[in-house]
Amino acid sequence: MTQMLLELERAFRLSWSADTTCLDAKSLARWHPDNAAPGQRGPTALIVEYLLGGDLVIASVSGANEEDEVHYWNRFPGVGDRPNSRAI
């Protein structure tokens, strides 16, 4: 599974764009081609779930100086949680 995850990560990074982000209009200013990860966790986690199965985990989080956000990640039986902060 590790090789497949590395290949998926590469494919995701090549395909992320402002069109694939789930950021709202206000937050879209954080997105930039040199930092394409913002807003990609939801779409990435959904595709990983579709391709590899497991569970899609969704949680609301808040930081000290940040607005509340929704985070998505994948959980696989026998492997545990795979946060999408790297990509997958």
C-alpha atoms as a PDB file:
ATOM      1  CA  MET A   1       0.000   0.000   0.000  1.00  0.00           C
ATOM      2  CA  THR A   2       2.917   2.352   0.660  1.00  0.00           C
ATOM      3  CA  GLN A   3       3.946   2.540  -3.020  1.00  0.00           C
ATOM      4  CA  MET A   4       0.345   3.144  -4.044  1.00  0.00           C
ATOM      5  CA  LEU A   5       0.034   5.976  -1.499  1.00  0.00           C
ATOM      6  CA  LEU A   6       3.229   7.589  -2.810  1.00  0.00           C
ATOM      7  CA  GLU A   7       1.900   7.399  -6.374  1.00  0.00           C
ATOM      8  CA  LEU A   8      -1.447   8.843  -5.293  1.00  0.00           C
ATOM      9  CA  GLU A   9       0.299  11.666  -3.452  1.00  0.00           C
ATOM     10  CA  ARG A  10       2.251  12.574  -6.577  1.00  0.00           C
ATOM     11  CA  ALA A  11      -0.915  12.477  -8.706  1.00  0.00           C
ATOM     12  CA  PHE A  12      -2.805  14.652  -6.217  1.00  0.00           C
ATOM     13  CA  ARG A  13      -0.060  17.248  -6.040  1.00  0.00           C
ATOM     14  CA  LEU A  14       0.054  17.468  -9.830  1.00  0.00           C
ATOM     15  CA  SER A  15      -3.722  17.873 -10.088  1.00  0.00           C
ATOM     16  CA  TRP A  16      -4.478  20.295  -7.227  1.00  0.00           C
ATOM     17  CA  SER A  17      -5.622  23.690  -8.425  1.00  0.00           C
ATOM     18  CA  ALA A  18      -7.833  26.568  -7.364  1.00  0.00           C
ATOM     19  CA  ASP A  19     -10.655  24.689  -9.127  1.00  0.00           C
ATOM     20  CA  THR A  20     -10.242  21.589  -6.939  1.00  0.00           C
ATOM     21  CA  THR A  21     -10.061  23.346  -3.576  1.00  0.00           C
ATOM     22  CA  CYS A  22     -13.061  23.442  -1.255  1.00  0.00           C
ATOM     23  CA  LEU A  23     -12.109  26.857   0.178  1.00  0.00           C
ATOM     24  CA  ASP A  24     -14.782  29.528   0.299  1.00  0.00           C
ATOM     25  CA  ALA A  25     -14.264  32.775  -1.607  1.00  0.00           C
ATOM     26  CA  LYS A  26     -12.833  34.568   1.449  1.00  0.00           C
ATOM     27  CA  SER A  27     -10.295  31.824   2.169  1.00  0.00           C
ATOM     28  CA  LEU A  28      -9.335  31.277  -1.460  1.00  0.00           C
ATOM     29  CA  ALA A  29      -6.708  34.010  -1.085  1.00  0.00           C
ATOM     30  CA  ARG A  30      -4.638  31.457   0.905  1.00  0.00           C
ATOM     31  CA  TRP A  31      -4.415  29.218  -2.155  1.00  0.00           C
ATOM     32  CA  HIS A  32      -1.424  29.655  -4.451  1.00  0.00           C
ATOM     33  CA  PRO A  33       0.198  27.321  -7.020  1.00  0.00           C
ATOM     34  CA  ASP A  34       3.353  27.242  -4.875  1.00  0.00           C
ATOM     35  CA  ASN A  35       1.230  26.188  -1.880  1.00  0.00           C
ATOM     36  CA  ALA A  36      -1.604  24.204  -3.437  1.00  0.00           C
ATOM     37  CA  ALA A  37      -2.567  22.162  -0.338  1.00  0.00           C
ATOM     38  CA  PRO A  38      -5.041  24.584   1.339  1.00  0.00           C
ATOM     39  CA  GLY A  39      -8.583  23.374   0.813  1.00  0.00           C
ATOM     40  CA  GLN A  40      -7.553  20.069  -0.748  1.00  0.00           C
ATOM     41  CA  ARG A  41      -8.045  17.762   2.268  1.00  0.00           C
ATOM     42  CA  GLY A  42     -11.745  17.175   1.652  1.00  0.00           C
ATOM     43  CA  PRO A  43     -11.515  16.374  -2.048  1.00  0.00           C
ATOM     44  CA  THR A  44      -8.356  14.305  -1.476  1.00  0.00           C
ATOM     45  CA  ALA A  45      -9.877  12.276   1.374  1.00  0.00           C
ATOM     46  CA  LEU A  46     -13.011  11.572  -0.685  1.00  0.00           C
ATOM     47  CA  ILE A  47     -10.978  10.252  -3.612  1.00  0.00           C
ATOM     48  CA  VAL A  48      -8.760   8.145  -1.328  1.00  0.00           C
ATOM     49  CA  GLU A  49     -11.877   6.644   0.277  1.00  0.00           C
ATOM     50  CA  TYR A  50     -13.341   5.900  -3.161  1.00  0.00           C
ATOM     51  CA  LEU A  51     -10.125   4.261  -4.423  1.00  0.00           C
ATOM     52  CA  LEU A  52      -8.883   2.465  -1.292  1.00  0.00           C
ATOM     53  CA  GLY A  53     -11.922   2.124   0.961  1.00  0.00           C
ATOM     54  CA  GLY A  54     -11.623   2.632   4.687  1.00  0.00           C
ATOM     55  CA  ASP A  55     -13.483   5.321   6.577  1.00  0.00           C
ATOM     56  CA  LEU A  56     -13.716   9.020   5.875  1.00  0.00           C
ATOM     57  CA  VAL A  57     -13.273  10.967   9.126  1.00  0.00           C
ATOM     58  CA  ILE A  58     -14.512  14.557   9.427  1.00  0.00           C
ATOM     59  CA  ALA A  59     -14.023  16.875  12.402  1.00  0.00           C
ATOM     60  CA  SER A  60     -14.528  20.550  13.180  1.00  0.00           C
ATOM     61  CA  VAL A  61     -11.441  22.156  14.654  1.00  0.00           C
ATOM     62  CA  SER A  62     -10.556  25.615  15.860  1.00  0.00           C
ATOM     63  CA  GLY A  63      -7.258  27.278  16.583  1.00  0.00           C
ATOM     64  CA  ALA A  64      -6.285  30.137  18.818  1.00  0.00           C
ATOM     65  CA  ASN A  65      -6.204  32.814  16.121  1.00  0.00           C
ATOM     66  CA  GLU A  66      -7.867  30.949  13.290  1.00  0.00           C
ATOM     67  CA  GLU A  67     -11.447  30.547  12.207  1.00  0.00           C
ATOM     68  CA  ASP A  68     -13.137  27.205  12.737  1.00  0.00           C
ATOM     69  CA  GLU A  69     -12.342  24.744   9.988  1.00  0.00           C
ATOM     70  CA  VAL A  70     -13.417  21.307   8.927  1.00  0.00           C
ATOM     71  CA  HIS A  71     -10.691  18.699   8.548  1.00  0.00           C
ATOM     72  CA  TYR A  72     -10.940  15.425   6.662  1.00  0.00           C
ATOM     73  CA  TRP A  73      -8.737  12.362   6.831  1.00  0.00           C
ATOM     74  CA  ASN A  74      -8.829   8.647   6.121  1.00  0.00           C
ATOM     75  CA  ARG A  75      -8.841   5.692   8.512  1.00  0.00           C
ATOM     76  CA  PHE A  76      -7.865   2.246   7.269  1.00  0.00           C
ATOM     77  CA  PRO A  77      -8.428  -1.045   9.126  1.00  0.00           C
ATOM     78  CA  GLY A  78      -5.145  -2.310  10.564  1.00  0.00           C
ATOM     79  CA  VAL A  79      -3.311   0.872   9.519  1.00  0.00           C
ATOM     80  CA  GLY A  80      -5.108   3.590  11.460  1.00  0.00           C
ATOM     81  CA  ASP A  81      -5.559   7.231  10.555  1.00  0.00           C
ATOM     82  CA  ARG A  82      -3.873   8.793   7.523  1.00  0.00           C
ATOM     83  CA  PRO A  83      -4.048  12.566   7.840  1.00  0.00           C
ATOM     84  CA  ASN A  84      -4.069  14.427   4.542  1.00  0.00           C
ATOM     85  CA  SER A  85      -1.767  17.224   5.636  1.00  0.00           C
ATOM     86  CA  ARG A  86       0.965  15.854   3.371  1.00  0.00           C
ATOM     87  CA  ALA A  87      -1.498  14.861   0.681  1.00  0.00           C
ATOM     88  CA  ILE A  88      -2.744  11.450   1.651  1.00  0.00           C
END
